[in-house]
Protein backbone atom coordinates (compact mmCIF):
# COMPACT_ATOMS: atom_id res chain seq x y z
CA MET A 1 -28.65 29.91 -26.81
CA ALA A 2 -31.40 28.40 -24.61
CA GLU A 3 -28.97 25.75 -23.29
CA ARG A 4 -26.12 28.07 -22.30
CA TRP A 5 -27.26 27.86 -18.66
CA ALA A 6 -25.62 24.42 -18.48
CA THR A 7 -22.19 26.04 -18.41
CA PHE A 8 -22.92 28.60 -15.67
CA GLY A 9 -21.88 28.41 -12.01
CA ILE A 10 -22.22 25.34 -9.84
CA ASP A 11 -24.87 22.66 -9.44
CA LEU A 12 -27.22 23.09 -6.47
CA HIS A 13 -30.00 20.74 -5.41
CA LEU A 14 -33.08 22.57 -4.09
CA ASP A 15 -36.72 21.58 -3.80
CA PRO A 16 -38.78 24.78 -3.42
CA ALA A 17 -42.11 24.02 -1.74
CA GLY A 18 -44.84 26.27 -0.34
CA PRO A 19 -47.62 28.60 -1.38
CA GLY A 20 -45.42 30.64 -3.70
CA LEU A 21 -42.21 30.16 -5.69
CA ARG A 22 -40.36 33.04 -4.05
CA ARG A 23 -41.21 31.93 -0.52
CA GLY A 24 -40.60 28.28 -1.32
CA LEU A 25 -37.17 29.04 -2.77
CA THR A 26 -36.27 31.33 0.13
CA ASP A 27 -37.27 28.69 2.69
CA ALA A 28 -35.35 25.93 0.85
CA LEU A 29 -32.18 28.02 0.67
CA ARG A 30 -32.46 29.11 4.31
CA GLU A 31 -32.84 25.49 5.49
CA ALA A 32 -29.88 24.37 3.35
CA VAL A 33 -27.71 26.96 5.09
CA ARG A 34 -29.19 26.36 8.56
CA SER A 35 -28.60 22.58 8.39
CA GLY A 36 -25.02 22.96 7.18
CA ARG A 37 -25.66 21.40 3.76
CA LEU A 38 -24.37 24.67 2.31
CA ALA A 39 -21.15 25.44 4.14
CA PRO A 40 -20.01 28.99 4.99
CA ASP A 41 -18.40 30.84 2.06
CA THR A 42 -19.96 28.48 -0.52
CA ARG A 43 -20.52 30.46 -3.71
CA LEU A 44 -24.07 30.08 -4.99
CA PRO A 45 -25.05 29.89 -8.66
CA SER A 46 -25.84 33.14 -10.39
CA SER A 47 -29.53 34.09 -10.38
CA ARG A 48 -29.67 33.39 -14.12
CA SER A 49 -28.09 29.94 -13.75
CA LEU A 50 -30.29 28.85 -10.84
CA ALA A 51 -33.41 30.19 -12.52
CA ALA A 52 -32.62 28.14 -15.64
CA ASP A 53 -31.96 25.02 -13.51
CA LEU A 54 -35.27 25.36 -11.66
CA GLY A 55 -37.30 26.57 -14.62
CA ILE A 56 -38.44 29.77 -12.91
CA ALA A 57 -38.08 33.50 -13.51
CA ARG A 58 -34.70 35.09 -12.84
CA ASN A 59 -36.32 37.85 -10.78
CA THR A 60 -37.75 35.23 -8.40
CA VAL A 61 -34.24 33.94 -7.65
CA ALA A 62 -32.83 37.47 -7.33
CA ASP A 63 -35.59 38.41 -4.86
CA ALA A 64 -34.98 35.23 -2.77
CA TYR A 65 -31.26 35.99 -2.66
CA ALA A 66 -31.98 39.58 -1.60
CA ASP A 67 -34.28 38.42 1.22
CA LEU A 68 -31.62 36.05 2.61
CA VAL A 69 -28.91 38.71 2.34
CA ALA A 70 -31.09 41.02 4.38
CA GLU A 71 -31.62 38.26 6.99
CA GLY A 72 -27.88 37.63 7.22
CA TRP A 73 -27.89 34.11 5.74
CA LEU A 74 -26.10 35.19 2.55
CA THR A 75 -23.63 37.89 1.53
CA ALA A 76 -23.35 39.66 -1.80
CA ARG A 77 -20.36 41.63 -3.03
CA GLN A 78 -19.55 43.10 -6.42
CA GLY A 79 -17.25 40.70 -8.27
CA SER A 80 -17.53 38.01 -5.59
CA GLY A 81 -21.04 36.79 -6.27
CA THR A 82 -23.53 35.56 -3.71
CA ARG A 83 -22.07 33.41 -0.92
CA VAL A 84 -23.20 31.71 2.26
CA ALA A 85 -22.46 33.96 5.23
CA ALA A 86 -20.04 32.91 7.94
CA ARG A 87 -22.24 32.06 10.94
CA PRO A 88 -22.69 29.22 13.41
CA VAL A 89 -24.43 26.32 11.74
CA ALA A 90 -26.68 24.01 13.70
CA GLY A 91 -26.20 20.36 12.94
CA PRO A 92 -28.88 17.66 12.85
CA ARG A 93 -30.96 17.53 16.01
CA THR A 94 -29.66 14.24 17.33
CA PRO A 95 -28.29 13.48 20.79
CA ALA A 96 -24.59 14.18 21.09
CA PRO A 97 -22.54 10.99 21.39
CA ALA A 98 -20.92 10.30 24.71
CA PRO A 99 -17.24 11.25 24.74
CA ARG A 100 -15.00 8.29 24.01
CA ARG A 101 -11.31 8.00 24.67
CA THR A 102 -9.22 6.42 21.96
CA PRO A 103 -5.56 5.52 22.25
CA GLY A 104 -3.30 8.04 20.56
CA ARG A 105 -0.63 7.16 18.04
CA LEU A 106 2.76 6.72 19.61
CA PRO A 107 5.20 9.50 18.66
CA TYR A 108 7.93 7.09 17.52
CA SER A 109 7.65 4.00 15.33
CA LEU A 110 9.96 1.19 14.28
CA THR A 111 7.15 -0.91 12.85
CA PRO A 112 8.67 -3.12 10.14
CA GLY A 113 7.52 -3.35 6.56
CA VAL A 114 7.19 0.39 5.87
CA PRO A 115 9.66 2.59 3.96
CA GLU A 116 10.37 6.20 4.87
CA LEU A 117 7.25 7.75 3.37
CA ALA A 118 8.62 11.29 3.56
CA SER A 119 11.17 10.33 0.90
CA PHE A 120 8.61 9.55 -1.77
CA PRO A 121 9.85 11.39 -4.91
CA ARG A 122 6.84 13.64 -5.37
CA THR A 123 8.35 16.07 -7.85
CA GLU A 124 9.82 13.34 -10.06
CA TRP A 125 6.57 11.36 -9.91
CA VAL A 126 4.53 14.38 -11.05
CA ARG A 127 6.95 14.98 -13.92
CA ALA A 128 6.75 11.35 -14.96
CA THR A 129 2.94 11.52 -14.82
CA ARG A 130 2.92 14.52 -17.14
CA ARG A 131 5.25 12.86 -19.63
CA ALA A 132 3.26 9.63 -19.49
CA LEU A 133 -0.07 11.38 -20.05
CA ALA A 134 1.33 13.41 -22.94
CA ALA A 135 2.55 10.25 -24.68
CA ALA A 136 -0.40 7.97 -23.85
CA PRO A 137 -2.60 6.82 -26.74
CA HIS A 138 -6.32 7.53 -26.45
CA ASP A 139 -7.16 3.85 -26.02
CA ALA A 140 -5.09 3.76 -22.83
CA PHE A 141 -8.10 5.21 -21.02
CA GLY A 142 -10.43 2.40 -22.07
CA TYR A 143 -11.01 -0.87 -20.22
CA GLY A 144 -7.80 -2.32 -21.60
CA ASP A 145 -5.94 -5.59 -21.25
CA PRO A 146 -6.66 -7.53 -18.03
CA ARG A 147 -2.91 -8.12 -17.71
CA GLY A 148 -2.28 -4.38 -17.37
CA ARG A 149 -0.89 -1.70 -19.66
CA PRO A 150 1.65 -3.04 -22.18
CA GLU A 151 3.95 -0.06 -21.54
CA LEU A 152 4.32 -1.08 -17.90
CA ARG A 153 4.67 -4.79 -18.57
CA GLU A 154 7.41 -4.15 -21.12
CA ALA A 155 9.27 -1.76 -18.83
CA LEU A 156 9.01 -4.17 -15.91
CA ALA A 157 10.20 -7.11 -18.00
CA GLY A 158 13.38 -5.25 -18.93
CA TYR A 159 13.99 -4.00 -15.40
CA LEU A 160 13.41 -7.36 -13.69
CA ALA A 161 15.65 -9.17 -16.16
CA ARG A 162 18.44 -6.64 -15.64
CA VAL A 163 18.21 -6.23 -11.86
CA ARG A 164 16.69 -9.43 -10.48
CA GLY A 165 17.56 -12.02 -13.15
CA VAL A 166 13.90 -12.78 -13.82
CA ARG A 167 12.95 -14.39 -17.11
CA ALA A 168 9.98 -12.14 -17.78
CA ASP A 169 7.98 -12.14 -21.01
CA PRO A 170 5.64 -9.11 -21.02
CA GLU A 171 2.93 -11.38 -22.43
CA HIS A 172 3.03 -13.45 -19.23
CA MET A 173 3.04 -10.57 -16.75
CA VAL A 174 0.02 -9.40 -14.76
CA VAL A 175 -0.18 -6.05 -12.99
CA CYS A 176 -1.91 -6.20 -9.61
CA SER A 177 -2.57 -3.82 -6.74
CA GLY A 178 0.21 -5.05 -4.47
CA PHE A 179 1.51 -8.38 -3.17
CA ALA A 180 -1.60 -9.16 -1.12
CA HIS A 181 -3.81 -8.81 -4.20
CA GLY A 182 -1.52 -11.08 -6.20
CA LEU A 183 -1.52 -13.68 -3.43
CA GLN A 184 -5.30 -13.51 -3.21
CA LEU A 185 -5.64 -14.17 -6.95
CA LEU A 186 -3.18 -17.05 -6.87
CA SER A 187 -4.83 -18.60 -3.81
CA GLU A 188 -8.20 -18.51 -5.56
CA VAL A 189 -6.69 -20.03 -8.69
CA LEU A 190 -4.98 -22.81 -6.72
CA ARG A 191 -8.17 -23.69 -4.89
CA ALA A 192 -10.17 -23.68 -8.13
CA ARG A 193 -7.64 -26.12 -9.59
CA GLY A 194 -8.15 -28.48 -6.65
CA ALA A 195 -5.28 -27.46 -4.36
CA ARG A 196 -5.87 -27.72 -0.62
CA THR A 197 -2.58 -26.91 1.11
CA LEU A 198 -0.13 -24.00 0.89
CA ALA A 199 3.19 -24.47 2.68
CA VAL A 200 4.47 -21.24 4.22
CA GLU A 201 7.49 -20.11 6.21
CA SER A 202 7.08 -20.60 9.96
CA TYR A 203 7.52 -16.84 10.50
CA GLY A 204 5.72 -14.36 8.28
CA LEU A 205 2.63 -12.18 8.06
CA ASP A 206 -0.73 -13.42 9.31
CA VAL A 207 -2.51 -11.27 6.71
CA HIS A 208 -1.01 -13.50 4.01
CA TRP A 209 -2.02 -16.69 5.78
CA ASP A 210 -5.54 -15.28 6.22
CA LEU A 211 -5.82 -14.48 2.51
CA ALA A 212 -4.99 -18.07 1.63
CA ALA A 213 -7.40 -19.38 4.26
CA ARG A 214 -10.25 -17.25 2.90
CA ALA A 215 -9.64 -18.79 -0.50
CA GLY A 216 -10.05 -22.24 1.04
CA LEU A 217 -6.38 -23.22 1.42
CA GLU A 218 -4.86 -24.61 4.60
CA THR A 219 -1.51 -23.03 5.43
CA VAL A 220 1.08 -25.42 6.86
CA PRO A 221 4.37 -24.03 8.27
CA LEU A 222 7.64 -25.36 6.90
CA ALA A 223 10.21 -26.62 9.37
CA ARG A 224 13.30 -24.54 10.02
CA ASP A 225 16.76 -25.16 11.43
CA ALA A 226 19.95 -23.25 12.09
CA LEU A 227 20.38 -22.70 8.34
CA GLY A 228 16.92 -21.25 7.81
CA THR A 229 13.72 -22.52 6.23
CA ARG A 230 13.71 -26.18 5.17
CA ALA A 231 12.07 -25.27 1.87
CA GLN A 232 13.32 -28.47 0.25
CA ASP A 233 10.70 -30.49 2.14
CA PRO A 234 7.16 -29.08 1.59
CA GLY A 235 5.66 -32.53 2.23
CA ASP A 236 2.21 -33.03 0.72
CA ALA A 237 1.62 -29.34 0.01
CA ASP A 238 0.23 -28.33 -3.37
CA ALA A 239 2.18 -25.07 -3.42
CA VAL A 240 4.74 -23.21 -1.32
CA LEU A 241 5.07 -19.50 -0.51
CA LEU A 242 8.66 -18.31 0.01
CA SER A 243 10.59 -15.04 0.39
CA PRO A 244 13.99 -16.41 -0.74
CA ALA A 245 15.89 -13.12 -1.23
CA HIS A 246 15.36 -11.85 2.32
CA GLN A 247 13.04 -13.81 4.57
CA PHE A 248 10.58 -11.73 6.54
CA PRO A 249 10.99 -11.29 9.44
CA LEU A 250 14.04 -13.42 10.30
CA GLY A 251 16.10 -11.87 7.53
CA GLY A 252 18.16 -14.63 5.95
CA ALA A 253 18.41 -15.60 2.29
CA LEU A 254 17.38 -19.09 1.21
CA ARG A 255 20.51 -21.18 0.74
CA PRO A 256 21.43 -22.18 -2.85
CA GLU A 257 21.07 -25.92 -2.25
CA ARG A 258 17.62 -25.41 -0.77
CA ARG A 259 16.57 -23.19 -3.67
CA ALA A 260 17.55 -25.95 -6.09
CA ALA A 261 15.84 -28.62 -3.96
CA VAL A 262 12.47 -26.83 -3.74
CA VAL A 263 12.47 -26.29 -7.52
CA GLU A 264 13.17 -30.01 -7.97
CA TRP A 265 10.24 -30.74 -5.65
CA ALA A 266 7.95 -28.57 -7.83
CA ARG A 267 9.09 -30.35 -11.01
CA ARG A 268 8.67 -33.78 -9.48
CA THR A 269 5.25 -33.25 -7.92
CA GLY A 270 3.71 -30.62 -10.19
CA GLY A 271 3.69 -28.19 -7.30
CA LEU A 272 3.85 -24.42 -7.62
CA ILE A 273 6.26 -22.01 -5.93
CA LEU A 274 5.04 -18.50 -5.12
CA GLU A 275 8.11 -16.27 -4.84
CA ASP A 276 7.69 -13.12 -2.76
CA ASP A 277 10.75 -11.07 -3.79
CA TYR A 278 10.70 -9.26 -0.46
CA ASP A 279 13.42 -6.59 -0.17
CA GLY A 280 15.16 -8.06 -3.23
CA GLU A 281 16.52 -4.64 -4.27
CA PHE A 282 17.88 -3.68 -0.86
CA ARG A 283 21.03 -5.67 -0.20
CA TYR A 284 24.00 -3.89 1.35
CA ASP A 285 26.94 -6.16 2.08
CA ARG A 286 27.20 -8.12 -1.16
CA GLN A 287 25.59 -8.51 -4.57
CA PRO A 288 21.81 -9.09 -4.50
CA VAL A 289 20.59 -12.66 -4.45
CA GLY A 290 18.96 -13.37 -7.82
CA ALA A 291 15.33 -14.38 -8.18
CA LEU A 292 14.41 -18.02 -7.62
CA GLN A 293 12.16 -17.83 -10.68
CA ASP A 294 15.18 -18.01 -13.00
CA LEU A 295 15.70 -21.66 -12.00
CA ASP A 296 12.36 -22.72 -13.50
CA PRO A 297 9.92 -20.10 -14.87
CA GLY A 298 7.42 -22.90 -15.53
CA ARG A 299 7.03 -23.80 -11.85
CA VAL A 300 7.57 -20.43 -10.12
CA VAL A 301 5.28 -17.39 -9.97
CA TYR A 302 7.35 -14.28 -9.30
CA LEU A 303 5.68 -11.49 -7.31
CA GLY A 304 7.09 -8.01 -6.75
CA THR A 305 5.85 -4.57 -5.73
CA ALA A 306 6.81 -0.91 -5.54
CA SER A 307 5.74 -0.79 -1.88
CA LYS A 308 9.27 -0.54 -0.46
CA SER A 309 11.06 1.16 -3.34
CA LEU A 310 8.39 3.89 -3.71
CA ALA A 311 5.40 3.68 -1.35
CA PRO A 312 2.77 1.10 -0.36
CA GLY A 313 -0.01 3.62 -0.95
CA LEU A 314 0.55 3.42 -4.71
CA ARG A 315 -0.85 -0.14 -4.66
CA LEU A 316 1.37 -1.23 -7.54
CA GLY A 317 2.52 -4.81 -7.87
CA TRP A 318 3.21 -7.39 -10.56
CA MET A 319 3.36 -11.11 -11.21
CA VAL A 320 5.33 -13.12 -13.74
CA VAL A 321 3.09 -16.12 -14.35
CA PRO A 322 3.91 -19.44 -16.08
CA PRO A 323 2.08 -19.55 -19.44
CA TRP A 324 -0.01 -22.58 -18.45
CA LEU A 325 -1.39 -20.72 -15.41
CA LEU A 326 -2.01 -17.33 -17.01
CA PRO A 327 -5.57 -17.94 -18.32
CA ASP A 328 -6.74 -18.99 -14.85
CA VAL A 329 -5.16 -15.90 -13.23
CA LEU A 330 -6.85 -13.60 -15.72
CA THR A 331 -10.18 -15.30 -15.07
CA HIS A 332 -9.94 -14.25 -11.42
CA GLY A 333 -8.80 -10.67 -12.11
CA GLY A 334 -5.71 -8.71 -13.05
CA GLY A 335 -4.38 -5.41 -14.34
CA ARG A 336 -7.73 -3.61 -14.38
CA SER A 337 -7.44 -3.36 -10.60
CA VAL A 338 -4.80 -0.61 -10.93
CA GLY A 339 -5.50 2.86 -12.33
CA VAL A 340 -4.09 3.40 -15.81
CA VAL A 341 -2.42 6.70 -14.89
CA ASP A 342 -0.35 5.07 -12.16
CA GLN A 343 0.61 2.25 -14.51
CA LEU A 344 1.73 4.66 -17.20
CA THR A 345 3.62 6.76 -14.66
CA LEU A 346 5.52 3.77 -13.28
CA ALA A 347 6.38 2.70 -16.82
CA GLU A 348 7.80 6.16 -17.49
CA PHE A 349 9.61 6.10 -14.14
CA LEU A 350 11.28 2.82 -15.11
CA THR A 351 12.24 3.71 -18.68
CA SER A 352 13.56 7.18 -17.80
CA GLY A 353 15.92 5.81 -15.15
CA ALA A 354 14.14 7.65 -12.31
CA TYR A 355 13.27 4.35 -10.63
CA ASP A 356 16.92 3.24 -10.58
CA ARG A 357 17.93 6.58 -9.09
CA GLN A 358 15.22 6.32 -6.44
CA VAL A 359 16.28 2.80 -5.43
CA ARG A 360 19.98 3.71 -5.26
CA ALA A 361 19.24 6.75 -3.10
CA ALA A 362 16.99 4.73 -0.81
CA ARG A 363 19.57 1.96 -0.54
CA LEU A 364 22.20 4.45 0.61
CA ARG A 365 19.82 6.10 3.08
CA TYR A 366 18.71 2.81 4.62
CA ARG A 367 22.23 1.46 4.82
CA ARG A 368 23.24 4.52 6.84
CA ARG A 369 20.26 3.95 9.12
CA ARG A 370 21.22 0.30 9.56
CA ASP A 371 24.84 1.19 10.34
CA ALA A 372 23.75 3.79 12.90
CA LEU A 373 21.48 1.23 14.57
CA VAL A 374 24.18 -1.44 14.75
CA ARG A 375 26.75 1.06 16.03
CA ALA A 376 24.43 2.42 18.75
CA LEU A 377 23.57 -1.08 19.94
CA ALA A 378 27.22 -2.08 20.10
CA GLU A 379 27.98 0.95 22.24
CA ARG A 380 24.98 1.01 24.59
CA ALA A 381 23.42 -2.46 24.49
CA PRO A 382 26.25 -4.87 23.61
CA HIS A 383 24.31 -7.82 25.04
CA VAL A 384 21.68 -7.43 22.27
CA ARG A 385 22.69 -9.37 19.17
CA VAL A 386 21.61 -7.98 15.78
CA THR A 387 20.77 -10.39 12.93
CA GLY A 388 19.19 -10.28 9.49
CA VAL A 389 20.80 -6.97 8.48
CA ALA A 390 22.58 -7.93 5.25
CA ALA A 391 19.55 -6.70 3.33
CA GLY A 392 16.12 -5.18 3.68
CA LEU A 393 14.57 -2.46 5.81
CA HIS A 394 14.48 -4.17 9.20
CA ALA A 395 16.71 -5.89 11.76
CA VAL A 396 16.10 -8.61 14.34
CA LEU A 397 17.31 -7.72 17.84
CA ARG A 398 17.90 -10.89 19.86
CA LEU A 399 16.85 -10.49 23.51
CA PRO A 400 17.52 -12.47 26.69
CA PRO A 401 15.05 -15.37 27.10
CA GLY A 402 11.71 -14.38 28.55
CA THR A 403 12.07 -10.63 28.00
CA GLU A 404 10.28 -9.99 24.70
CA ARG A 405 6.92 -8.97 26.17
CA SER A 406 8.46 -6.77 28.86
CA VAL A 407 10.64 -4.97 26.30
CA GLU A 408 7.61 -4.34 24.09
CA GLN A 409 5.85 -2.81 27.10
CA ALA A 410 8.90 -0.74 27.98
CA ALA A 411 8.99 0.56 24.40
CA THR A 412 5.36 1.63 24.70
CA TRP A 413 6.22 3.58 27.85
CA GLN A 414 8.94 5.32 25.82
CA GLY A 415 6.37 6.27 23.17
CA LEU A 416 7.80 3.75 20.69
CA ALA A 417 5.78 1.37 18.49
CA VAL A 418 7.73 -1.84 17.86
CA LYS A 419 6.82 -5.50 17.39
CA GLY A 420 8.15 -8.63 18.99
CA LEU A 421 9.16 -11.62 16.90
CA GLU A 422 6.48 -13.86 18.44
CA ARG A 423 3.79 -11.81 16.66
CA PHE A 424 5.02 -13.19 13.33
CA ARG A 425 5.10 -16.91 14.22
CA HIS A 426 2.60 -19.17 12.48
CA PRO A 427 0.15 -20.59 15.04
CA ASP A 428 1.07 -24.16 14.04
CA ALA A 429 4.84 -23.62 14.02
CA THR A 430 6.67 -25.81 16.54
CA ASP A 431 10.13 -24.26 16.27
CA PRO A 432 10.18 -20.90 18.14
CA ALA A 433 13.11 -18.70 17.15
CA GLY A 434 13.53 -17.12 20.60
CA ASP A 435 12.82 -13.71 22.06
CA ALA A 436 13.53 -10.77 19.76
CA LEU A 437 12.31 -7.45 18.42
CA VAL A 438 11.70 -6.88 14.71
CA VAL A 439 12.88 -3.30 14.16
CA GLY A 440 11.91 -1.42 11.00
CA TYR A 441 14.71 1.12 10.85
CA ALA A 442 13.45 2.55 7.55
CA THR A 443 10.13 3.68 9.01
CA PRO A 444 10.88 6.98 10.86
CA PRO A 445 11.27 10.20 8.89
CA ASP A 446 14.74 11.76 9.05
CA HIS A 447 13.74 14.39 11.60
CA ALA A 448 12.50 11.69 14.01
CA TRP A 449 15.30 9.15 13.56
CA THR A 450 17.51 10.30 16.44
CA GLY A 451 14.63 10.42 18.92
CA THR A 452 13.31 7.06 17.76
CA LEU A 453 16.68 5.38 18.16
CA GLU A 454 17.08 6.90 21.63
CA ALA A 455 13.63 5.61 22.67
CA LEU A 456 14.60 2.12 21.51
CA LEU A 457 17.86 2.15 23.48
CA ARG A 458 16.03 3.24 26.64
CA ALA A 459 13.54 0.37 26.25
CA LEU A 460 16.15 -2.40 25.91
CA PRO A 461 17.09 -4.44 28.98
């Protein structure tokens, strides 16, 4: 009975000091309210609970509360308990910072690489979470397997084999917190094994090149020609990073003969191919291009994420790793980087068919967006050529030579965030692809799509 106080009310840190307990407690409470540490309407512990916490008489607490109610610092109502009164609260006595102007977010955005976040299936995700938690064994909430939860690895293996043609053994899969995390792990593993050079596509994301550089790898851009990336000729590189299903940002798929040639290079030299299956599920005009990994699972690491199909904020990704490389990957980290509840929920989402439904709905929505973009450009800006739209969530708008920077500026004046193609070129690339905008047509929410498209059309030359 003496320990029942531990279940009462809320915790409250106070340090009564002074000539008497009542005064010391009153002063400590008053200062907590005055300084803002106790916010208005905060419900205080009952007098019994606080007295037990502090090891003092209950009447002492009741008297301190009564004093502060009389002073207006607290309020007390029958059935509502004792609360902090609503009154102006003085902050710490420090000089106010000088006002600083910060640029506001533009009202429209066609920034590539982001899905329509408003379409995240919240209700279905919550239902899947409940089902997953109800079915989860107790040991699921322990430290677990560094590869990730077996339920998710098994569900992913079946899905990737069915949809992307990946030869995925759940034993050789590693759950990670997105593509960047997977690339970081692989870069560290490559450097630890003595690798020095990672060949990359001449256009891509600098954040990926920086991750490799921080691990100690030099990134060298692959040459490109009218047919796309010359992946068949990585030179003296130890590994190569490719997005063969839908190259970002230029948008093409790696040609079959070049897919075969780069796999032959890996076999011949002992090199490693890192396959970023970017936009692999979002192809509109023909059947999806299968994963490169199927050509040689022993020389290709397959990387995928739920960032485009669901949302990047989930931080859910996966790797299918050759058996000989798996121990090294696990040494550097793995599935423990992702919360177990999200892993179990995604597994349930996959096995219940909810993931397939989400992807099909998104594919239809984005195809309509793409068609509307192409149609509007044909009608109002016929001199702008659109490329890279057979798949994915973005398009490349080819501009007249020398106009990319001015069009970016014009877009800003229209309140539109958009990126020029030059921003994605590797600093050592010697084959510029010309002036263009990379337009992420999936990014705006439905209610903003019409206004965003209109802003883009006004910005074009």
